[in-house]
Amino acid sequence: MNTDIDFMNIANGDKAFVEEFENFVNGRVSNTEKTGMAMTTMHRYLQQQAFKVCLGFIKALAHNYKKGRYDQRNEWASKMADVAYTSLIEADLAYDPDYTNLQNNK
């Protein structure tokens, strides 16, 4: 799987979400943990969809970590994503042969 994405070639609604979320976390969020906890008050189906978005982000960070595409500003998040994603694969909760190949070719 190629985790490189051409931002200009994603759906406009998805692009708008990314830009709005970027603005939110870049100055408007006051407590990341409480905000995440508050998201559990969403409708159950929406929680599932929100988690899929989170998982997509974790997956991309994990792939980038394995490829060395991180720096000091996002090393913590990238390493955490790598550990979490590896755990999901090892527990057979996620299937990603490309990531497994990256992991095996350290």
N, C-alpha and C. Protein backbone atom coordinates (compact mmCIF):
# COMPACT_ATOMS: atom_id res chain seq x y z
N MET A 1 0.83 -1.18 0.00
CA MET A 1 0.00 0.00 0.00
C MET A 1 0.87 1.24 0.00
N ASN A 2 0.51 2.18 -0.81
CA ASN A 2 1.23 3.44 -0.85
C ASN A 2 0.53 4.43 0.07
N THR A 3 1.20 4.87 1.12
CA THR A 3 0.58 5.82 2.04
C THR A 3 0.81 7.25 1.59
N ASP A 4 1.53 7.44 0.51
CA ASP A 4 1.67 8.78 -0.05
C ASP A 4 0.34 9.14 -0.68
N ILE A 5 -0.14 10.33 -0.40
CA ILE A 5 -1.43 10.74 -0.94
C ILE A 5 -1.28 12.10 -1.58
N ASP A 6 -1.87 12.23 -2.74
CA ASP A 6 -1.92 13.52 -3.42
C ASP A 6 -3.12 14.25 -2.85
N PHE A 7 -2.87 15.21 -1.98
CA PHE A 7 -3.93 15.92 -1.28
C PHE A 7 -4.91 16.56 -2.25
N MET A 8 -4.45 16.92 -3.41
CA MET A 8 -5.32 17.58 -4.38
C MET A 8 -6.29 16.59 -5.03
N ASN A 9 -6.02 15.31 -4.91
CA ASN A 9 -6.86 14.30 -5.56
C ASN A 9 -7.75 13.53 -4.59
N ILE A 10 -8.07 14.12 -3.44
CA ILE A 10 -9.04 13.50 -2.55
C ILE A 10 -10.34 14.30 -2.66
N ALA A 11 -11.42 13.72 -2.23
CA ALA A 11 -12.73 14.37 -2.34
C ALA A 11 -12.72 15.71 -1.62
N ASN A 12 -13.44 16.66 -2.16
CA ASN A 12 -13.49 18.00 -1.58
C ASN A 12 -13.95 17.99 -0.13
N GLY A 13 -14.94 17.16 0.20
CA GLY A 13 -15.41 17.07 1.58
C GLY A 13 -14.32 16.55 2.51
N ASP A 14 -13.55 15.57 2.04
CA ASP A 14 -12.46 15.02 2.84
C ASP A 14 -11.37 16.08 3.03
N LYS A 15 -11.07 16.80 1.96
CA LYS A 15 -10.08 17.88 2.02
C LYS A 15 -10.51 18.95 3.03
N ALA A 16 -11.79 19.31 2.98
CA ALA A 16 -12.31 20.33 3.89
C ALA A 16 -12.18 19.87 5.34
N PHE A 17 -12.46 18.58 5.59
CA PHE A 17 -12.33 18.05 6.95
C PHE A 17 -10.88 18.15 7.42
N VAL A 18 -9.94 17.74 6.58
CA VAL A 18 -8.53 17.77 6.96
C VAL A 18 -8.11 19.20 7.30
N GLU A 19 -8.51 20.14 6.47
CA GLU A 19 -8.14 21.53 6.72
C GLU A 19 -8.79 22.06 8.00
N GLU A 20 -10.05 21.73 8.24
CA GLU A 20 -10.73 22.19 9.45
C GLU A 20 -10.12 21.53 10.69
N PHE A 21 -9.82 20.24 10.60
CA PHE A 21 -9.22 19.55 11.74
C PHE A 21 -7.83 20.12 12.03
N GLU A 22 -7.08 20.40 10.97
CA GLU A 22 -5.76 21.00 11.14
C GLU A 22 -5.87 22.34 11.88
N ASN A 23 -6.83 23.14 11.49
CA ASN A 23 -7.04 24.42 12.17
C ASN A 23 -7.46 24.22 13.62
N PHE A 24 -8.28 23.21 13.86
CA PHE A 24 -8.74 22.92 15.21
C PHE A 24 -7.57 22.55 16.12
N VAL A 25 -6.74 21.61 15.69
CA VAL A 25 -5.64 21.17 16.55
C VAL A 25 -4.52 22.20 16.60
N ASN A 26 -4.52 23.15 15.68
CA ASN A 26 -3.48 24.19 15.65
C ASN A 26 -3.96 25.46 16.35
N GLY A 27 -4.48 25.31 17.55
CA GLY A 27 -4.79 26.50 18.31
C GLY A 27 -6.16 26.54 18.96
N ARG A 28 -7.11 25.75 18.48
CA ARG A 28 -8.44 25.82 19.08
C ARG A 28 -8.71 24.71 20.08
N VAL A 29 -8.00 23.61 20.00
CA VAL A 29 -8.23 22.53 20.96
C VAL A 29 -7.63 22.95 22.30
N SER A 30 -8.39 22.74 23.38
CA SER A 30 -7.86 23.12 24.68
C SER A 30 -7.38 21.91 25.47
N ASN A 31 -7.95 20.74 25.21
CA ASN A 31 -7.55 19.54 25.93
C ASN A 31 -7.79 18.34 25.02
N THR A 32 -6.71 17.80 24.47
CA THR A 32 -6.84 16.71 23.49
C THR A 32 -7.49 15.47 24.09
N GLU A 33 -7.15 15.14 25.32
CA GLU A 33 -7.72 13.94 25.95
C GLU A 33 -9.22 14.10 26.17
N LYS A 34 -9.62 15.24 26.73
CA LYS A 34 -11.05 15.45 26.96
C LYS A 34 -11.83 15.54 25.66
N THR A 35 -11.23 16.13 24.64
CA THR A 35 -11.89 16.20 23.34
C THR A 35 -12.11 14.79 22.79
N GLY A 36 -11.07 13.96 22.88
CA GLY A 36 -11.21 12.57 22.44
C GLY A 36 -12.27 11.83 23.23
N MET A 37 -12.30 12.06 24.53
CA MET A 37 -13.31 11.40 25.37
C MET A 37 -14.71 11.89 25.01
N ALA A 38 -14.83 13.18 24.71
CA ALA A 38 -16.14 13.73 24.34
C ALA A 38 -16.66 13.13 23.04
N MET A 39 -15.75 12.70 22.19
CA MET A 39 -16.18 12.09 20.93
C MET A 39 -16.94 10.78 21.16
N THR A 40 -16.78 10.18 22.32
CA THR A 40 -17.51 8.94 22.61
C THR A 40 -18.99 9.19 22.88
N THR A 41 -19.39 10.45 22.91
CA THR A 41 -20.81 10.77 23.08
C THR A 41 -21.54 10.84 21.73
N MET A 42 -20.78 10.71 20.65
CA MET A 42 -21.40 10.70 19.32
C MET A 42 -22.24 9.43 19.16
N HIS A 43 -23.11 9.45 18.19
CA HIS A 43 -23.90 8.27 17.83
C HIS A 43 -22.95 7.09 17.62
N ARG A 44 -23.37 5.90 18.00
CA ARG A 44 -22.50 4.71 17.92
C ARG A 44 -21.94 4.48 16.52
N TYR A 45 -22.77 4.65 15.50
CA TYR A 45 -22.28 4.46 14.13
C TYR A 45 -21.21 5.50 13.80
N LEU A 46 -21.42 6.73 14.23
CA LEU A 46 -20.45 7.79 13.96
C LEU A 46 -19.14 7.56 14.70
N GLN A 47 -19.22 6.93 15.88
CA GLN A 47 -18.00 6.55 16.59
C GLN A 47 -17.19 5.57 15.73
N GLN A 48 -17.89 4.63 15.13
CA GLN A 48 -17.23 3.64 14.26
C GLN A 48 -16.55 4.34 13.09
N GLN A 49 -17.26 5.27 12.46
CA GLN A 49 -16.70 5.98 11.30
C GLN A 49 -15.53 6.87 11.73
N ALA A 50 -15.65 7.54 12.86
CA ALA A 50 -14.57 8.38 13.36
C ALA A 50 -13.33 7.53 13.65
N PHE A 51 -13.56 6.34 14.19
CA PHE A 51 -12.42 5.47 14.49
C PHE A 51 -11.72 5.02 13.21
N LYS A 52 -12.48 4.81 12.16
CA LYS A 52 -11.87 4.44 10.88
C LYS A 52 -10.97 5.56 10.37
N VAL A 53 -11.38 6.81 10.57
CA VAL A 53 -10.53 7.95 10.20
C VAL A 53 -9.26 7.93 11.05
N CYS A 54 -9.42 7.72 12.36
CA CYS A 54 -8.26 7.64 13.26
C CYS A 54 -7.32 6.52 12.84
N LEU A 55 -7.89 5.38 12.51
CA LEU A 55 -7.08 4.24 12.11
C LEU A 55 -6.33 4.53 10.81
N GLY A 56 -6.97 5.22 9.88
CA GLY A 56 -6.28 5.60 8.64
C GLY A 56 -5.08 6.49 8.94
N PHE A 57 -5.23 7.40 9.88
CA PHE A 57 -4.14 8.29 10.28
C PHE A 57 -3.02 7.49 10.95
N ILE A 58 -3.40 6.60 11.86
CA ILE A 58 -2.41 5.75 12.55
C ILE A 58 -1.65 4.90 11.54
N LYS A 59 -2.39 4.33 10.61
CA LYS A 59 -1.77 3.48 9.58
C LYS A 59 -0.74 4.26 8.76
N ALA A 60 -1.11 5.46 8.34
CA ALA A 60 -0.19 6.27 7.54
C ALA A 60 1.04 6.67 8.35
N LEU A 61 0.85 7.06 9.61
CA LEU A 61 2.00 7.41 10.46
C LEU A 61 2.91 6.20 10.67
N ALA A 62 2.31 5.03 10.87
CA ALA A 62 3.10 3.81 11.08
C ALA A 62 3.93 3.47 9.84
N HIS A 63 3.30 3.55 8.67
CA HIS A 63 4.04 3.31 7.42
C HIS A 63 5.19 4.31 7.28
N ASN A 64 4.88 5.58 7.55
CA ASN A 64 5.92 6.61 7.43
C ASN A 64 7.04 6.38 8.43
N TYR A 65 6.70 5.91 9.63
CA TYR A 65 7.73 5.61 10.63
C TYR A 65 8.67 4.53 10.12
N LYS A 66 8.09 3.47 9.57
CA LYS A 66 8.91 2.37 9.05
C LYS A 66 9.80 2.84 7.90
N LYS A 67 9.34 3.84 7.14
CA LYS A 67 10.10 4.37 6.01
C LYS A 67 11.05 5.49 6.41
N GLY A 68 11.06 5.83 7.70
CA GLY A 68 11.92 6.90 8.18
C GLY A 68 11.43 8.29 7.83
N ARG A 69 10.15 8.42 7.53
CA ARG A 69 9.56 9.70 7.14
C ARG A 69 8.94 10.41 8.36
N TYR A 70 9.80 10.84 9.24
CA TYR A 70 9.37 11.59 10.42
C TYR A 70 10.56 12.40 10.89
N ASP A 71 10.32 13.35 11.76
CA ASP A 71 11.41 14.10 12.37
C ASP A 71 11.07 14.32 13.84
N GLN A 72 11.84 15.15 14.52
CA GLN A 72 11.63 15.32 15.96
C GLN A 72 10.25 15.86 16.30
N ARG A 73 9.63 16.59 15.37
CA ARG A 73 8.33 17.18 15.66
C ARG A 73 7.21 16.15 15.73
N ASN A 74 7.34 15.04 15.00
CA ASN A 74 6.29 14.03 15.04
C ASN A 74 6.82 12.62 15.33
N GLU A 75 8.03 12.55 15.86
CA GLU A 75 8.60 11.23 16.16
C GLU A 75 7.77 10.47 17.18
N TRP A 76 7.34 11.15 18.26
CA TRP A 76 6.55 10.49 19.30
C TRP A 76 5.27 9.91 18.70
N ALA A 77 4.53 10.71 17.95
CA ALA A 77 3.27 10.25 17.36
C ALA A 77 3.52 9.11 16.37
N SER A 78 4.58 9.22 15.60
CA SER A 78 4.89 8.19 14.61
C SER A 78 5.28 6.87 15.27
N LYS A 79 6.08 6.94 16.32
CA LYS A 79 6.48 5.72 17.03
C LYS A 79 5.29 5.09 17.74
N MET A 80 4.45 5.93 18.36
CA MET A 80 3.23 5.40 19.02
C MET A 80 2.33 4.72 17.99
N ALA A 81 2.17 5.34 16.83
CA ALA A 81 1.34 4.76 15.77
C ALA A 81 1.92 3.43 15.31
N ASP A 82 3.24 3.36 15.18
CA ASP A 82 3.89 2.13 14.76
C ASP A 82 3.64 1.01 15.76
N VAL A 83 3.77 1.30 17.04
CA VAL A 83 3.53 0.28 18.07
C VAL A 83 2.06 -0.15 18.07
N ALA A 84 1.16 0.81 17.98
CA ALA A 84 -0.28 0.50 17.99
C ALA A 84 -0.66 -0.32 16.75
N TYR A 85 -0.19 0.10 15.60
CA TYR A 85 -0.55 -0.59 14.36
C TYR A 85 0.04 -2.00 14.33
N THR A 86 1.26 -2.13 14.80
CA THR A 86 1.88 -3.46 14.89
C THR A 86 1.04 -4.36 15.79
N SER A 87 0.58 -3.82 16.91
CA SER A 87 -0.25 -4.61 17.84
C SER A 87 -1.55 -5.06 17.19
N LEU A 88 -2.17 -4.18 16.41
CA LEU A 88 -3.42 -4.54 15.73
C LEU A 88 -3.19 -5.65 14.71
N ILE A 89 -2.08 -5.59 14.01
CA ILE A 89 -1.76 -6.63 13.03
C ILE A 89 -1.47 -7.95 13.74
N GLU A 90 -0.67 -7.90 14.80
CA GLU A 90 -0.34 -9.12 15.55
C GLU A 90 -1.56 -9.76 16.18
N ALA A 91 -2.58 -8.96 16.51
CA ALA A 91 -3.81 -9.48 17.10
C ALA A 91 -4.83 -9.89 16.04
N ASP A 92 -4.42 -9.87 14.78
CA ASP A 92 -5.29 -10.20 13.64
C ASP A 92 -6.52 -9.30 13.58
N LEU A 93 -6.38 -8.05 14.00
CA LEU A 93 -7.46 -7.08 13.90
C LEU A 93 -7.29 -6.16 12.69
N ALA A 94 -6.12 -6.21 12.10
CA ALA A 94 -5.83 -5.46 10.87
C ALA A 94 -4.99 -6.35 9.98
N TYR A 95 -5.18 -6.20 8.68
CA TYR A 95 -4.40 -6.97 7.71
C TYR A 95 -3.75 -5.98 6.77
N ASP A 96 -2.43 -6.01 6.70
CA ASP A 96 -1.70 -5.08 5.86
C ASP A 96 -0.38 -5.71 5.45
N PRO A 97 -0.37 -6.48 4.37
CA PRO A 97 0.87 -7.16 3.97
C PRO A 97 2.00 -6.19 3.61
N ASP A 98 1.67 -5.00 3.11
CA ASP A 98 2.73 -4.03 2.79
C ASP A 98 3.46 -3.59 4.06
N TYR A 99 2.70 -3.35 5.10
CA TYR A 99 3.30 -2.95 6.37
C TYR A 99 4.12 -4.10 6.96
N THR A 100 3.58 -5.31 6.87
CA THR A 100 4.30 -6.48 7.37
C THR A 100 5.63 -6.63 6.64
N ASN A 101 5.62 -6.40 5.33
CA ASN A 101 6.87 -6.44 4.56
C ASN A 101 7.85 -5.37 5.02
N LEU A 102 7.35 -4.16 5.27
CA LEU A 102 8.22 -3.10 5.79
C LEU A 102 8.82 -3.51 7.13
N GLN A 103 8.01 -4.11 7.97
CA GLN A 103 8.46 -4.53 9.29
C GLN A 103 9.50 -5.63 9.20
N ASN A 104 9.30 -6.56 8.28
CA ASN A 104 10.23 -7.68 8.15
C ASN A 104 11.53 -7.29 7.47
N ASN A 105 11.54 -6.16 6.76
CA ASN A 105 12.74 -5.71 6.05
C ASN A 105 13.46 -4.60 6.79
N LYS A 106 13.35 -4.56 8.08
CA LYS A 106 13.98 -3.51 8.91
C LYS A 106 15.35 -3.32 8.45
